[in-house]
C-alpha atoms as a PDB file:
ATOM      1  CA  MET A   1     -10.190  15.177   3.013  1.00  0.00           C
ATOM      2  CA  PRO A   2      -7.505  13.399   0.937  1.00  0.00           C
ATOM      3  CA  THR A   3      -4.155  12.654   2.578  1.00  0.00           C
ATOM      4  CA  ARG A   4      -1.545  15.340   1.974  1.00  0.00           C
ATOM      5  CA  ARG A   5       0.734  14.093  -0.794  1.00  0.00           C
ATOM      6  CA  SER A   6       4.397  14.496   0.076  1.00  0.00           C
ATOM      7  CA  PRO A   7       6.900  14.539  -2.817  1.00  0.00           C
ATOM      8  CA  ALA A   8       9.428  12.800  -0.561  1.00  0.00           C
ATOM      9  CA  THR A   9       7.103   9.896   0.194  1.00  0.00           C
ATOM     10  CA  GLN A  10       6.207   9.669  -3.505  1.00  0.00           C
ATOM     11  CA  VAL A  11       9.919   9.239  -4.239  1.00  0.00           C
ATOM     12  CA  PHE A  12      10.141   6.595  -1.524  1.00  0.00           C
ATOM     13  CA  THR A  13       7.117   4.701  -2.883  1.00  0.00           C
ATOM     14  CA  ARG A  14       8.496   4.699  -6.413  1.00  0.00           C
ATOM     15  CA  TRP A  15      11.895   3.507  -5.184  1.00  0.00           C
ATOM     16  CA  VAL A  16      10.502   0.494  -3.288  1.00  0.00           C
ATOM     17  CA  ALA A  17       8.074  -0.388  -6.114  1.00  0.00           C
ATOM     18  CA  GLU A  18      10.041   0.167  -9.327  1.00  0.00           C
ATOM     19  CA  PRO A  19      11.319  -3.211 -10.654  1.00  0.00           C
ATOM     20  CA  SER A  20      14.388  -1.640 -12.280  1.00  0.00           C
ATOM     21  CA  LEU A  21      15.484  -0.359  -8.855  1.00  0.00           C
ATOM     22  CA  LYS A  22      15.413  -3.812  -7.203  1.00  0.00           C
ATOM     23  CA  ASP A  23      18.101  -6.460  -6.872  1.00  0.00           C
ATOM     24  CA  ALA A  24      17.707 -10.153  -7.713  1.00  0.00           C
ATOM     25  CA  SER A  25      16.027 -10.815  -4.352  1.00  0.00           C
ATOM     26  CA  GLY A  26      13.481  -8.035  -4.901  1.00  0.00           C
ATOM     27  CA  ARG A  27      14.940  -5.527  -2.439  1.00  0.00           C
ATOM     28  CA  PRO A  28      15.505  -1.852  -3.351  1.00  0.00           C
ATOM     29  CA  ILE A  29      19.105  -1.248  -4.453  1.00  0.00           C
ATOM     30  CA  PRO A  30      21.296   1.529  -3.019  1.00  0.00           C
ATOM     31  CA  LEU A  31      21.503   4.479  -5.412  1.00  0.00           C
ATOM     32  CA  PRO A  32      24.372   6.869  -6.153  1.00  0.00           C
ATOM     33  CA  ARG A  33      23.437  10.240  -4.771  1.00  0.00           C
ATOM     34  CA  ARG A  34      24.133  12.022  -8.090  1.00  0.00           C
ATOM     35  CA  GLY A  35      24.677  11.132 -11.710  1.00  0.00           C
ATOM     36  CA  PRO A  36      22.759   9.433 -14.505  1.00  0.00           C
ATOM     37  CA  ALA A  37      20.037   6.898 -13.823  1.00  0.00           C
ATOM     38  CA  PRO A  38      19.861   4.853 -11.759  1.00  0.00           C
ATOM     39  CA  SER A  39      20.667   7.512  -9.167  1.00  0.00           C
ATOM     40  CA  PHE A  40      18.710   9.182  -6.386  1.00  0.00           C
ATOM     41  CA  GLU A  41      18.953  12.493  -8.224  1.00  0.00           C
ATOM     42  CA  GLU A  42      17.302  11.069 -11.356  1.00  0.00           C
ATOM     43  CA  LEU A  43      14.720   9.164  -9.329  1.00  0.00           C
ATOM     44  CA  ALA A  44      13.715  12.374  -7.556  1.00  0.00           C
ATOM     45  CA  ARG A  45      13.505  14.306 -10.833  1.00  0.00           C
ATOM     46  CA  SER A  46      11.303  11.580 -12.340  1.00  0.00           C
ATOM     47  CA  VAL A  47       8.764  12.214  -9.578  1.00  0.00           C
ATOM     48  CA  THR A  48       8.856  16.009  -9.358  1.00  0.00           C
ATOM     49  CA  GLN A  49      10.672  18.949 -10.905  1.00  0.00           C
ATOM     50  CA  ASP A  50       9.340  21.332  -8.270  1.00  0.00           C
ATOM     51  CA  VAL A  51      11.481  20.217  -5.313  1.00  0.00           C
ATOM     52  CA  HIS A  52      15.273  19.884  -5.399  1.00  0.00           C
ATOM     53  CA  PRO A  53      16.566  16.302  -4.985  1.00  0.00           C
ATOM     54  CA  ARG A  54      18.670  17.409  -2.018  1.00  0.00           C
ATOM     55  CA  SER A  55      15.560  18.618  -0.175  1.00  0.00           C
ATOM     56  CA  LEU A  56      13.780  15.342  -0.912  1.00  0.00           C
ATOM     57  CA  LEU A  57      16.755  13.346   0.346  1.00  0.00           C
ATOM     58  CA  ASP A  58      16.955  15.421   3.525  1.00  0.00           C
ATOM     59  CA  GLU A  59      13.262  14.763   4.176  1.00  0.00           C
ATOM     60  CA  LEU A  60      13.619  11.005   3.635  1.00  0.00           C
ATOM     61  CA  CYS A  61      16.541  10.943   6.053  1.00  0.00           C
ATOM     62  CA  ARG A  62      14.561  12.991   8.590  1.00  0.00           C
ATOM     63  CA  LEU A  63      11.686  10.490   8.358  1.00  0.00           C
ATOM     64  CA  GLY A  64      14.107   7.603   8.922  1.00  0.00           C
ATOM     65  CA  LEU A  65      13.406   6.115   5.486  1.00  0.00           C
ATOM     66  CA  ALA A  66      16.864   6.586   3.947  1.00  0.00           C
ATOM     67  CA  ARG A  67      20.497   7.184   4.901  1.00  0.00           C
ATOM     68  CA  VAL A  68      23.557   8.405   3.013  1.00  0.00           C
ATOM     69  CA  GLU A  69      26.847   6.528   3.231  1.00  0.00           C
ATOM     70  CA  ASP A  70      29.878   7.258   1.000  1.00  0.00           C
ATOM     71  CA  GLU A  71      27.707   9.141  -1.526  1.00  0.00           C
ATOM     72  CA  MET A  72      25.340   6.170  -1.782  1.00  0.00           C
ATOM     73  CA  VAL A  73      21.706   6.469  -0.654  1.00  0.00           C
ATOM     74  CA  HIS A  74      20.279   3.402   1.093  1.00  0.00           C
ATOM     75  CA  ILE A  75      16.680   2.498   1.953  1.00  0.00           C
ATOM     76  CA  VAL A  76      16.459   2.011   5.722  1.00  0.00           C
ATOM     77  CA  ARG A  77      13.031   0.370   5.764  1.00  0.00           C
ATOM     78  CA  GLU A  78      10.578  -0.553   3.048  1.00  0.00           C
ATOM     79  CA  ARG A  79       7.344   0.636   4.651  1.00  0.00           C
ATOM     80  CA  PHE A  80       6.303   4.189   5.408  1.00  0.00           C
ATOM     81  CA  VAL A  81       4.587   4.364   8.804  1.00  0.00           C
ATOM     82  CA  PRO A  82       5.020   7.922  10.148  1.00  0.00           C
ATOM     83  CA  LYS A  83       4.446   7.120  13.829  1.00  0.00           C
ATOM     84  CA  SER A  84       6.378  10.209  14.906  1.00  0.00           C
ATOM     85  CA  ASP A  85       4.012  12.430  12.877  1.00  0.00           C
ATOM     86  CA  SER A  86       0.592  12.100  14.506  1.00  0.00           C
ATOM     87  CA  ASP A  87      -1.086  14.540  12.098  1.00  0.00           C
ATOM     88  CA  ARG A  88       0.014  12.507   9.082  1.00  0.00           C
ATOM     89  CA  MET A  89      -0.981   9.239  10.758  1.00  0.00           C
ATOM     90  CA  LEU A  90      -4.468  10.650  11.365  1.00  0.00           C
ATOM     91  CA  ASP A  91      -4.598  11.806   7.738  1.00  0.00           C
ATOM     92  CA  PHE A  92      -3.831   8.255   6.584  1.00  0.00           C
ATOM     93  CA  LEU A  93      -6.420   6.823   8.965  1.00  0.00           C
ATOM     94  CA  ALA A  94      -9.151   9.180   7.780  1.00  0.00           C
ATOM     95  CA  SER A  95      -8.357   8.813   4.078  1.00  0.00           C
ATOM     96  CA  ASN A  96      -7.880   5.036   3.999  1.00  0.00           C
ATOM     97  CA  VAL A  97     -10.897   4.167   6.131  1.00  0.00           C
ATOM     98  CA  GLY A  98     -12.980   6.888   4.488  1.00  0.00           C
ATOM     99  CA  ASP A  99     -12.360   5.657   0.944  1.00  0.00           C
ATOM    100  CA  HIS A 100     -12.920   2.022   1.987  1.00  0.00           C
ATOM    101  CA  LEU A 101     -16.260   2.990   3.508  1.00  0.00           C
ATOM    102  CA  ARG A 102     -17.200   5.046   0.432  1.00  0.00           C
ATOM    103  CA  ALA A 103     -16.458   2.051  -1.797  1.00  0.00           C
ATOM    104  CA  ALA A 104     -18.551  -0.319   0.337  1.00  0.00           C
ATOM    105  CA  VAL A 105     -21.498   2.075   0.740  1.00  0.00           C
ATOM    106  CA  GLY A 106     -21.377   3.065  -2.930  1.00  0.00           C
ATOM    107  CA  ASN A 107     -21.582  -0.571  -3.985  1.00  0.00           C
ATOM    108  CA  VAL A 108     -24.532  -1.248  -1.671  1.00  0.00           C
ATOM    109  CA  LEU A 109     -26.454   1.753  -3.005  1.00  0.00           C
ATOM    110  CA  SER A 110     -25.616   1.179  -6.676  1.00  0.00           C
ATOM    111  CA  ASP A 111     -27.394  -1.195  -9.037  1.00  0.00           C
ATOM    112  CA  ALA A 112     -24.046  -1.959 -10.709  1.00  0.00           C
ATOM    113  CA  PRO A 113     -21.191  -1.942  -8.145  1.00  0.00           C
ATOM    114  CA  GLU A 114     -18.432   0.366  -9.362  1.00  0.00           C
ATOM    115  CA  HIS A 115     -15.725  -0.310  -6.758  1.00  0.00           C
ATOM    116  CA  LEU A 116     -13.638  -3.354  -5.950  1.00  0.00           C
ATOM    117  CA  GLU A 117     -14.450  -4.198  -2.311  1.00  0.00           C
ATOM    118  CA  GLN A 118     -14.132  -7.831  -1.273  1.00  0.00           C
ATOM    119  CA  ALA A 119     -13.038  -9.806   1.786  1.00  0.00           C
ATOM    120  CA  VAL A 120     -12.054 -13.347   2.738  1.00  0.00           C
ATOM    121  CA  PHE A 121     -12.435 -14.555   6.321  1.00  0.00           C
ATOM    122  CA  ALA A 122     -11.710 -17.738   8.266  1.00  0.00           C
ATOM    123  CA  ASP A 123     -11.721 -18.946  11.865  1.00  0.00           C
ATOM    124  CA  GLU A 124     -10.250 -21.834  13.901  1.00  0.00           C
ATOM    125  CA  LEU A 125      -6.630 -20.852  13.238  1.00  0.00           C
ATOM    126  CA  SER A 126      -3.721 -21.072  15.686  1.00  0.00           C
ATOM    127  CA  PRO A 127      -1.519 -18.040  16.497  1.00  0.00           C
ATOM    128  CA  ALA A 128       1.295 -19.697  14.523  1.00  0.00           C
ATOM    129  CA  SER A 129      -0.942 -20.060  11.476  1.00  0.00           C
ATOM    130  CA  VAL A 130      -2.069 -16.434  11.738  1.00  0.00           C
ATOM    131  CA  ALA A 131       1.586 -15.336  11.849  1.00  0.00           C
ATOM    132  CA  GLU A 132       2.370 -17.392   8.738  1.00  0.00           C
ATOM    133  CA  PHE A 133      -0.665 -16.009   6.942  1.00  0.00           C
ATOM    134  CA  ARG A 134       0.255 -12.437   7.936  1.00  0.00           C
ATOM    135  CA  GLN A 135       3.694 -12.834   6.350  1.00  0.00           C
ATOM    136  CA  SER A 136       2.081 -14.179   3.180  1.00  0.00           C
ATOM    137  CA  MET A 137      -0.221 -11.155   3.005  1.00  0.00           C
ATOM    138  CA  ARG A 138       2.742  -8.786   3.396  1.00  0.00           C
ATOM    139  CA  SER A 139       4.345 -10.507   0.401  1.00  0.00           C
ATOM    140  CA  GLN A 140       1.106 -10.166  -1.561  1.00  0.00           C
ATOM    141  CA  TRP A 141       0.992  -6.455  -0.769  1.00  0.00           C
ATOM    142  CA  GLN A 142       4.578  -6.015  -1.966  1.00  0.00           C
ATOM    143  CA  ALA A 143       3.678  -7.730  -5.236  1.00  0.00           C
ATOM    144  CA  LEU A 144       0.661  -5.450  -5.663  1.00  0.00           C
ATOM    145  CA  LEU A 145       2.782  -2.386  -4.895  1.00  0.00           C
ATOM    146  CA  THR A 146       5.421  -3.431  -7.425  1.00  0.00           C
ATOM    147  CA  ALA A 147       2.791  -3.936 -10.123  1.00  0.00           C
ATOM    148  CA  SER A 148       0.617  -0.888  -9.467  1.00  0.00           C
ATOM    149  CA  VAL A 149       3.016   2.005  -8.856  1.00  0.00           C
ATOM    150  CA  PRO A 150       4.905   1.848 -12.192  1.00  0.00           C
ATOM    151  CA  LEU A 151       1.581   1.375 -14.009  1.00  0.00           C
ATOM    152  CA  LEU A 152       0.071   4.421 -12.306  1.00  0.00           C
ATOM    153  CA  HIS A 153       3.115   6.543 -13.157  1.00  0.00           C
ATOM    154  CA  ARG A 154       2.873   5.455 -16.805  1.00  0.00           C
ATOM    155  CA  LEU A 155      -0.844   6.221 -16.951  1.00  0.00           C
ATOM    156  CA  ILE A 156      -0.291   9.681 -15.463  1.00  0.00           C
ATOM    157  CA  GLU A 157       2.393  10.437 -18.045  1.00  0.00           C
ATOM    158  CA  ASP A 158       0.204   9.087 -20.878  1.00  0.00           C
ATOM    159  CA  ASP A 159      -2.699  11.281 -19.768  1.00  0.00           C
ATOM    160  CA  ARG A 160      -0.438  14.324 -19.593  1.00  0.00           C
ATOM    161  CA  ALA A 161       1.002  13.662 -23.039  1.00  0.00           C
ATOM    162  CA  ALA A 162      -2.459  13.125 -24.533  1.00  0.00           C
ATOM    163  CA  ARG A 163      -3.778  16.261 -22.772  1.00  0.00           C
ATOM    164  CA  ARG A 164      -6.639  14.281 -21.257  1.00  0.00           C
ATOM    165  CA  PRO A 165      -8.433  15.776 -18.206  1.00  0.00           C
ATOM    166  CA  GLN A 166      -6.527  14.657 -15.105  1.00  0.00           C
ATOM    167  CA  ASP A 167      -9.339  15.090 -12.597  1.00  0.00           C
ATOM    168  CA  ARG A 168      -9.691  11.556 -11.160  1.00  0.00           C
ATOM    169  CA  ARG A 169      -7.996   9.895  -8.200  1.00  0.00           C
ATOM    170  CA  VAL A 170      -7.609   6.273  -7.148  1.00  0.00           C
ATOM    171  CA  ARG A 171      -6.670   4.553  -3.878  1.00  0.00           C
ATOM    172  CA  ILE A 172      -5.676   0.885  -3.642  1.00  0.00           C
ATOM    173  CA  GLY A 173      -5.716  -0.698  -0.207  1.00  0.00           C
ATOM    174  CA  MET A 174      -5.272  -4.045   1.458  1.00  0.00           C
ATOM    175  CA  TYR A 175      -5.896  -4.945   5.060  1.00  0.00           C
ATOM    176  CA  MET A 176      -5.765  -7.951   7.357  1.00  0.00           C
ATOM    177  CA  PHE A 177      -7.263  -8.150  10.831  1.00  0.00           C
ATOM    178  CA  SER A 178      -6.925 -11.007  13.323  1.00  0.00           C
ATOM    179  CA  ASP A 179      -8.385 -11.410  16.794  1.00  0.00           C
ATOM    180  CA  ALA A 180      -9.424 -14.054  19.302  1.00  0.00           C
ATOM    181  CA  MET A 181     -12.646 -15.911  18.494  1.00  0.00           C
ATOM    182  CA  THR A 182     -15.436 -14.905  20.856  1.00  0.00           C
ATOM    183  CA  ALA A 183     -18.331 -17.055  19.563  1.00  0.00           C
ATOM    184  CA  PRO A 184     -19.013 -20.760  19.025  1.00  0.00           C
ATOM    185  CA  THR A 185     -17.668 -22.157  15.775  1.00  0.00           C
ATOM    186  CA  GLY A 186     -18.787 -24.467  13.006  1.00  0.00           C
ATOM    187  CA  ALA A 187     -22.372 -25.748  13.043  1.00  0.00           C
ATOM    188  CA  ALA A 188     -23.277 -23.823  16.211  1.00  0.00           C
ATOM    189  CA  VAL A 189     -22.678 -20.494  14.485  1.00  0.00           C
ATOM    190  CA  ALA A 190     -24.438 -21.613  11.296  1.00  0.00           C
ATOM    191  CA  ASP A 191     -27.475 -22.777  13.242  1.00  0.00           C
ATOM    192  CA  ALA A 192     -27.588 -19.507  15.148  1.00  0.00           C
ATOM    193  CA  ILE A 193     -27.917 -17.497  11.925  1.00  0.00           C
ATOM    194  CA  GLY A 194     -30.086 -20.012  10.091  1.00  0.00           C
ATOM    195  CA  ALA A 195     -27.426 -20.836   7.489  1.00  0.00           C
ATOM    196  CA  THR A 196     -26.103 -24.098   6.134  1.00  0.00           C
ATOM    197  CA  PRO A 197     -23.235 -25.276   8.392  1.00  0.00           C
ATOM    198  CA  LYS A 198     -19.807 -24.900   6.795  1.00  0.00           C
ATOM    199  CA  PRO A 199     -16.857 -27.246   7.439  1.00  0.00           C
ATOM    200  CA  ALA A 200     -14.847 -26.068  10.431  1.00  0.00           C
ATOM    201  CA  GLY A 201     -12.171 -23.591   9.503  1.00  0.00           C
ATOM    202  CA  LYS A 202     -13.186 -23.260   5.831  1.00  0.00           C
ATOM    203  CA  PRO A 203     -12.443 -19.728   4.539  1.00  0.00           C
ATOM    204  CA  SER A 204     -15.437 -17.661   3.486  1.00  0.00           C
ATOM    205  CA  ARG A 205     -15.701 -14.757   1.091  1.00  0.00           C
ATOM    206  CA  ALA A 206     -17.805 -11.691   1.691  1.00  0.00           C
ATOM    207  CA  PRO A 207     -20.208 -10.789  -1.106  1.00  0.00           C
END
């Protein structure tokens, strides 16, 4: 079952992704609570006309994503991880993992793979290197978020204006997993699986 879409979290996602709402360093700018764009009121109305901006702001503050100070609305953190809402966390888990699995299985069963589903993996890294790589991947995700969210909003509006059927959904994900190595490395692993040995530590890409 798809994750429940919350108008408040849609506002949050657009705020952290929209280039016009970022400062020179790429961080979301504080927004006046009311008034012409750029303001929180206009941002909220650009996402939905069905929920009052005040209700959306109250929900973002309740979730710990925003705060109001002197009639200015500030982003508190730039990632939405609803740890205090176990039902929503389980929704995200089921939807993200479910769609990833559907993409992988669909590609295996199809003569012409339809879904983007790739992976890169490497071993023989130190904890310090993994930490550096993790930070790089977070930056890559932010770049993808900044590029994809405004594009998706534009495509939705174009479809609505052209009166095209709006019956398709899309999910874009990125993940990184790291763990201790539990098997021999280098040639020993390659010999065990009957493959050509790879240079130690060389990244590999899944098919």
